[in-house]
Amino acid sequence: MSGGAGGSVFAADPGQVNRGAKHLGAISDLVADIFNELRRITVLANGNGPIAKAIRENYEPSAADSLKFLGELAKLLTFHGAQTANLSRLLDSVGISATDLASSAGGRRH
C-alpha cells in the first residue's frame, strides 16, 4: 500500500489473518475426512462383461486420481494453514515491537 510522505505502509490485522488460518485448518480437516471416507469405498469389477470392463477402464483410474488429488489438497491446505498461523504470530510480534519502539522514542519521528 502507498503511504503518506512518499513512504510505503503495510497494514494487516493479525486477528483476521489468524481467523483465515483457522478456516484453512477447518477446510483441510473436511478434505481429509472426505479422503478417508472415499478410501473405504470399494467397487469390485468381477468378470469380463462390459460393466466390469468399464469399471476397470474408467472408474478405477478416475477414483485413484481423485484420491491422490484429495490427499495432496489436504496436505497443501494443512501446510498453508500453518504458514498463515505463523504469519499471524509474526504480525502480532511486529506490531508489539513497533509499538514498543515508538513508545521508547517518545512518539517522535526520525
N, C-alpha and C. Protein backbone atom coordinates (compact mmCIF):
# COMPACT_ATOMS: atom_id res chain seq x y z
N MET A 1 0.83 -1.18 0.00
CA MET A 1 0.00 0.00 0.00
C MET A 1 0.87 1.24 0.00
N SER A 2 0.39 2.29 -0.57
CA SER A 2 1.12 3.56 -0.55
C SER A 2 0.81 4.29 0.73
N GLY A 3 1.81 4.95 1.27
CA GLY A 3 1.63 5.74 2.47
C GLY A 3 1.89 7.19 2.17
N GLY A 4 1.72 8.01 3.18
CA GLY A 4 1.97 9.42 3.01
C GLY A 4 3.46 9.72 2.96
N ALA A 5 3.79 10.91 2.60
CA ALA A 5 5.17 11.42 2.56
C ALA A 5 6.08 10.54 1.73
N GLY A 6 5.57 9.94 0.66
CA GLY A 6 6.41 9.17 -0.25
C GLY A 6 6.83 7.81 0.27
N GLY A 7 6.37 7.42 1.46
CA GLY A 7 6.74 6.13 2.02
C GLY A 7 5.71 5.07 1.70
N SER A 8 6.02 3.86 2.12
CA SER A 8 5.09 2.75 1.95
C SER A 8 4.61 2.28 3.31
N VAL A 9 3.38 1.88 3.36
CA VAL A 9 2.78 1.40 4.60
C VAL A 9 2.21 0.02 4.33
N PHE A 10 2.50 -0.89 5.23
CA PHE A 10 1.90 -2.22 5.18
C PHE A 10 1.06 -2.36 6.42
N ALA A 11 -0.17 -2.76 6.25
CA ALA A 11 -1.06 -2.94 7.39
C ALA A 11 -1.80 -4.26 7.24
N ALA A 12 -1.88 -4.99 8.34
CA ALA A 12 -2.62 -6.25 8.35
C ALA A 12 -3.18 -6.46 9.75
N ASP A 13 -4.32 -7.06 9.82
CA ASP A 13 -4.95 -7.37 11.10
C ASP A 13 -4.58 -8.80 11.48
N PRO A 14 -3.71 -8.98 12.47
CA PRO A 14 -3.30 -10.33 12.85
C PRO A 14 -4.47 -11.23 13.24
N GLY A 15 -5.49 -10.64 13.85
CA GLY A 15 -6.67 -11.43 14.22
C GLY A 15 -7.38 -11.99 13.00
N GLN A 16 -7.51 -11.17 11.97
CA GLN A 16 -8.15 -11.63 10.72
C GLN A 16 -7.28 -12.69 10.05
N VAL A 17 -5.97 -12.49 10.05
CA VAL A 17 -5.07 -13.48 9.45
C VAL A 17 -5.18 -14.80 10.21
N ASN A 18 -5.25 -14.72 11.54
CA ASN A 18 -5.39 -15.93 12.35
C ASN A 18 -6.71 -16.64 12.07
N ARG A 19 -7.77 -15.87 11.91
CA ARG A 19 -9.07 -16.48 11.56
C ARG A 19 -8.98 -17.19 10.20
N GLY A 20 -8.26 -16.57 9.27
CA GLY A 20 -8.04 -17.21 7.97
C GLY A 20 -7.31 -18.54 8.12
N ALA A 21 -6.31 -18.56 9.00
CA ALA A 21 -5.57 -19.80 9.26
C ALA A 21 -6.49 -20.88 9.82
N LYS A 22 -7.37 -20.48 10.72
CA LYS A 22 -8.32 -21.44 11.31
C LYS A 22 -9.29 -21.97 10.24
N HIS A 23 -9.71 -21.09 9.35
CA HIS A 23 -10.60 -21.53 8.26
C HIS A 23 -9.89 -22.53 7.35
N LEU A 24 -8.63 -22.25 7.03
CA LEU A 24 -7.86 -23.20 6.22
C LEU A 24 -7.73 -24.54 6.93
N GLY A 25 -7.53 -24.51 8.24
CA GLY A 25 -7.46 -25.75 9.00
C GLY A 25 -8.76 -26.53 8.96
N ALA A 26 -9.87 -25.82 9.07
CA ALA A 26 -11.18 -26.49 9.02
C ALA A 26 -11.43 -27.09 7.64
N ILE A 27 -11.06 -26.37 6.59
CA ILE A 27 -11.23 -26.90 5.23
C ILE A 27 -10.33 -28.11 5.04
N SER A 28 -9.11 -28.04 5.56
CA SER A 28 -8.19 -29.17 5.48
C SER A 28 -8.76 -30.40 6.16
N ASP A 29 -9.34 -30.21 7.34
CA ASP A 29 -9.96 -31.33 8.06
C ASP A 29 -11.11 -31.93 7.26
N LEU A 30 -11.91 -31.07 6.64
CA LEU A 30 -13.04 -31.53 5.83
C LEU A 30 -12.55 -32.36 4.64
N VAL A 31 -11.53 -31.86 3.94
CA VAL A 31 -10.99 -32.58 2.79
C VAL A 31 -10.38 -33.92 3.24
N ALA A 32 -9.69 -33.92 4.38
CA ALA A 32 -9.10 -35.16 4.90
C ALA A 32 -10.20 -36.17 5.24
N ASP A 33 -11.30 -35.70 5.81
CA ASP A 33 -12.43 -36.60 6.12
C ASP A 33 -13.02 -37.20 4.85
N ILE A 34 -13.19 -36.37 3.83
CA ILE A 34 -13.72 -36.87 2.55
C ILE A 34 -12.76 -37.91 1.97
N PHE A 35 -11.48 -37.61 2.01
CA PHE A 35 -10.45 -38.54 1.52
C PHE A 35 -10.55 -39.88 2.25
N ASN A 36 -10.63 -39.83 3.57
CA ASN A 36 -10.70 -41.07 4.35
C ASN A 36 -11.98 -41.86 4.09
N GLU A 37 -13.08 -41.17 3.90
CA GLU A 37 -14.34 -41.86 3.59
C GLU A 37 -14.27 -42.51 2.20
N LEU A 38 -13.73 -41.78 1.24
CA LEU A 38 -13.66 -42.33 -0.12
C LEU A 38 -12.71 -43.52 -0.22
N ARG A 39 -11.67 -43.54 0.62
CA ARG A 39 -10.74 -44.68 0.60
C ARG A 39 -11.43 -45.98 1.01
N ARG A 40 -12.50 -45.86 1.77
CA ARG A 40 -13.22 -47.05 2.26
C ARG A 40 -14.15 -47.66 1.20
N ILE A 41 -14.41 -46.92 0.15
CA ILE A 41 -15.32 -47.40 -0.89
C ILE A 41 -14.57 -48.35 -1.81
N THR A 42 -15.16 -49.50 -2.00
CA THR A 42 -14.57 -50.50 -2.90
C THR A 42 -15.61 -50.91 -3.93
N VAL A 43 -15.24 -50.82 -5.17
CA VAL A 43 -16.11 -51.27 -6.26
C VAL A 43 -15.39 -52.44 -6.91
N LEU A 44 -16.01 -53.61 -6.84
CA LEU A 44 -15.40 -54.80 -7.40
C LEU A 44 -15.89 -55.02 -8.82
N ALA A 45 -14.97 -55.27 -9.70
CA ALA A 45 -15.31 -55.50 -11.10
C ALA A 45 -15.00 -56.96 -11.42
N ASN A 46 -15.91 -57.84 -11.05
CA ASN A 46 -15.72 -59.26 -11.33
C ASN A 46 -16.18 -59.59 -12.74
N GLY A 47 -15.50 -60.51 -13.35
CA GLY A 47 -15.90 -60.97 -14.67
C GLY A 47 -15.28 -60.15 -15.78
N ASN A 48 -15.72 -60.49 -17.00
CA ASN A 48 -15.18 -59.83 -18.19
C ASN A 48 -16.26 -59.15 -19.02
N GLY A 49 -17.42 -58.91 -18.40
CA GLY A 49 -18.52 -58.27 -19.11
C GLY A 49 -18.25 -56.79 -19.32
N PRO A 50 -19.16 -56.13 -20.06
CA PRO A 50 -18.96 -54.72 -20.38
C PRO A 50 -18.97 -53.80 -19.13
N ILE A 51 -19.76 -54.15 -18.12
CA ILE A 51 -19.81 -53.32 -16.92
C ILE A 51 -18.50 -53.46 -16.15
N ALA A 52 -18.03 -54.68 -15.97
CA ALA A 52 -16.76 -54.89 -15.25
C ALA A 52 -15.61 -54.23 -16.01
N LYS A 53 -15.63 -54.37 -17.33
CA LYS A 53 -14.58 -53.77 -18.14
C LYS A 53 -14.62 -52.23 -18.02
N ALA A 54 -15.80 -51.64 -18.06
CA ALA A 54 -15.94 -50.19 -17.93
C ALA A 54 -15.46 -49.70 -16.56
N ILE A 55 -15.77 -50.47 -15.52
CA ILE A 55 -15.30 -50.10 -14.18
C ILE A 55 -13.78 -50.11 -14.13
N ARG A 56 -13.17 -51.17 -14.65
CA ARG A 56 -11.70 -51.26 -14.63
C ARG A 56 -11.05 -50.17 -15.47
N GLU A 57 -11.64 -49.87 -16.61
CA GLU A 57 -11.01 -48.92 -17.53
C GLU A 57 -11.32 -47.46 -17.20
N ASN A 58 -12.51 -47.20 -16.65
CA ASN A 58 -12.94 -45.81 -16.44
C ASN A 58 -12.98 -45.40 -14.97
N TYR A 59 -13.66 -46.21 -14.17
CA TYR A 59 -13.87 -45.82 -12.77
C TYR A 59 -12.59 -45.92 -11.96
N GLU A 60 -11.91 -47.05 -12.03
CA GLU A 60 -10.75 -47.27 -11.15
C GLU A 60 -9.65 -46.22 -11.35
N PRO A 61 -9.26 -45.89 -12.58
CA PRO A 61 -8.24 -44.84 -12.73
C PRO A 61 -8.72 -43.47 -12.22
N SER A 62 -9.97 -43.14 -12.48
CA SER A 62 -10.51 -41.86 -12.02
C SER A 62 -10.59 -41.82 -10.50
N ALA A 63 -11.00 -42.92 -9.89
CA ALA A 63 -11.08 -42.99 -8.43
C ALA A 63 -9.69 -42.82 -7.82
N ALA A 64 -8.69 -43.48 -8.39
CA ALA A 64 -7.32 -43.36 -7.89
C ALA A 64 -6.81 -41.92 -8.03
N ASP A 65 -7.08 -41.30 -9.17
CA ASP A 65 -6.66 -39.91 -9.38
C ASP A 65 -7.36 -38.96 -8.40
N SER A 66 -8.63 -39.20 -8.16
CA SER A 66 -9.38 -38.36 -7.22
C SER A 66 -8.82 -38.48 -5.81
N LEU A 67 -8.52 -39.70 -5.40
CA LEU A 67 -7.94 -39.89 -4.07
C LEU A 67 -6.59 -39.20 -3.95
N LYS A 68 -5.79 -39.32 -4.98
CA LYS A 68 -4.48 -38.66 -4.96
C LYS A 68 -4.67 -37.15 -4.84
N PHE A 69 -5.58 -36.59 -5.64
CA PHE A 69 -5.85 -35.16 -5.60
C PHE A 69 -6.30 -34.72 -4.21
N LEU A 70 -7.26 -35.42 -3.62
CA LEU A 70 -7.77 -35.04 -2.31
C LEU A 70 -6.70 -35.14 -1.23
N GLY A 71 -5.88 -36.18 -1.30
CA GLY A 71 -4.79 -36.32 -0.33
C GLY A 71 -3.80 -35.17 -0.42
N GLU A 72 -3.43 -34.82 -1.65
CA GLU A 72 -2.49 -33.72 -1.85
C GLU A 72 -3.11 -32.37 -1.47
N LEU A 73 -4.39 -32.21 -1.76
CA LEU A 73 -5.09 -30.97 -1.39
C LEU A 73 -5.12 -30.81 0.13
N ALA A 74 -5.39 -31.88 0.85
CA ALA A 74 -5.41 -31.83 2.32
C ALA A 74 -4.04 -31.43 2.85
N LYS A 75 -2.97 -31.99 2.28
CA LYS A 75 -1.61 -31.63 2.70
C LYS A 75 -1.33 -30.15 2.42
N LEU A 76 -1.72 -29.70 1.25
CA LEU A 76 -1.49 -28.31 0.86
C LEU A 76 -2.23 -27.35 1.80
N LEU A 77 -3.47 -27.66 2.09
CA LEU A 77 -4.26 -26.82 2.99
C LEU A 77 -3.68 -26.80 4.40
N THR A 78 -3.23 -27.95 4.87
CA THR A 78 -2.61 -28.02 6.19
C THR A 78 -1.35 -27.16 6.24
N PHE A 79 -0.51 -27.30 5.21
CA PHE A 79 0.73 -26.52 5.16
C PHE A 79 0.44 -25.02 5.14
N HIS A 80 -0.46 -24.59 4.26
CA HIS A 80 -0.73 -23.16 4.14
C HIS A 80 -1.49 -22.62 5.35
N GLY A 81 -2.29 -23.45 5.99
CA GLY A 81 -2.93 -23.04 7.24
C GLY A 81 -1.89 -22.78 8.32
N ALA A 82 -0.89 -23.66 8.41
CA ALA A 82 0.18 -23.48 9.40
C ALA A 82 1.01 -22.24 9.06
N GLN A 83 1.30 -22.04 7.79
CA GLN A 83 2.07 -20.86 7.37
C GLN A 83 1.30 -19.57 7.67
N THR A 84 0.00 -19.60 7.47
CA THR A 84 -0.83 -18.43 7.74
C THR A 84 -0.88 -18.15 9.24
N ALA A 85 -0.95 -19.20 10.05
CA ALA A 85 -0.91 -19.03 11.51
C ALA A 85 0.44 -18.43 11.94
N ASN A 86 1.52 -18.90 11.32
CA ASN A 86 2.85 -18.33 11.62
C ASN A 86 2.90 -16.85 11.25
N LEU A 87 2.32 -16.50 10.11
CA LEU A 87 2.28 -15.10 9.69
C LEU A 87 1.51 -14.26 10.70
N SER A 88 0.42 -14.78 11.20
CA SER A 88 -0.37 -14.05 12.19
C SER A 88 0.46 -13.77 13.44
N ARG A 89 1.19 -14.77 13.91
CA ARG A 89 2.05 -14.57 15.09
C ARG A 89 3.15 -13.55 14.79
N LEU A 90 3.72 -13.62 13.61
CA LEU A 90 4.76 -12.66 13.22
C LEU A 90 4.20 -11.24 13.18
N LEU A 91 3.02 -11.09 12.60
CA LEU A 91 2.40 -9.76 12.54
C LEU A 91 2.14 -9.22 13.94
N ASP A 92 1.68 -10.08 14.84
CA ASP A 92 1.48 -9.67 16.23
C ASP A 92 2.79 -9.19 16.84
N SER A 93 3.83 -9.96 16.64
CA SER A 93 5.15 -9.63 17.20
C SER A 93 5.68 -8.31 16.63
N VAL A 94 5.54 -8.13 15.31
CA VAL A 94 6.00 -6.90 14.68
C VAL A 94 5.20 -5.71 15.21
N GLY A 95 3.91 -5.88 15.37
CA GLY A 95 3.07 -4.79 15.90
C GLY A 95 3.49 -4.41 17.31
N ILE A 96 3.75 -5.39 18.15
CA ILE A 96 4.18 -5.11 19.52
C ILE A 96 5.54 -4.42 19.52
N SER A 97 6.46 -4.93 18.70
CA SER A 97 7.79 -4.32 18.62
C SER A 97 7.72 -2.89 18.11
N ALA A 98 6.90 -2.65 17.11
CA ALA A 98 6.77 -1.30 16.56
C ALA A 98 6.18 -0.35 17.59
N THR A 99 5.21 -0.83 18.35
CA THR A 99 4.60 0.00 19.39
C THR A 99 5.63 0.30 20.48
N ASP A 100 6.38 -0.72 20.89
CA ASP A 100 7.42 -0.51 21.90
C ASP A 100 8.47 0.47 21.41
N LEU A 101 8.89 0.34 20.17
CA LEU A 101 9.90 1.23 19.60
C LEU A 101 9.38 2.66 19.54
N ALA A 102 8.15 2.82 19.12
CA ALA A 102 7.57 4.16 19.04
C ALA A 102 7.44 4.76 20.44
N SER A 103 7.09 3.96 21.42
CA SER A 103 6.96 4.45 22.79
C SER A 103 8.31 4.85 23.36
N SER A 104 9.33 4.06 23.08
CA SER A 104 10.66 4.36 23.60
C SER A 104 11.27 5.60 22.94
N ALA A 105 10.83 5.91 21.75
CA ALA A 105 11.32 7.10 21.05
C ALA A 105 10.51 8.33 21.43
N GLY A 106 9.61 8.15 22.36
CA GLY A 106 8.80 9.29 22.80
C GLY A 106 7.80 9.74 21.76
N GLY A 107 7.47 8.82 20.86
CA GLY A 107 6.48 9.16 19.85
C GLY A 107 7.03 10.08 18.77
N ARG A 108 8.35 10.35 18.80
CA ARG A 108 8.95 11.24 17.80
C ARG A 108 9.27 10.47 16.53
N ARG A 109 9.13 11.13 15.42
CA ARG A 109 9.51 10.52 14.12
C ARG A 109 10.91 10.97 13.80
N HIS A 110 11.68 10.06 13.24
CA HIS A 110 13.07 10.39 12.85
C HIS A 110 13.19 10.40 11.37
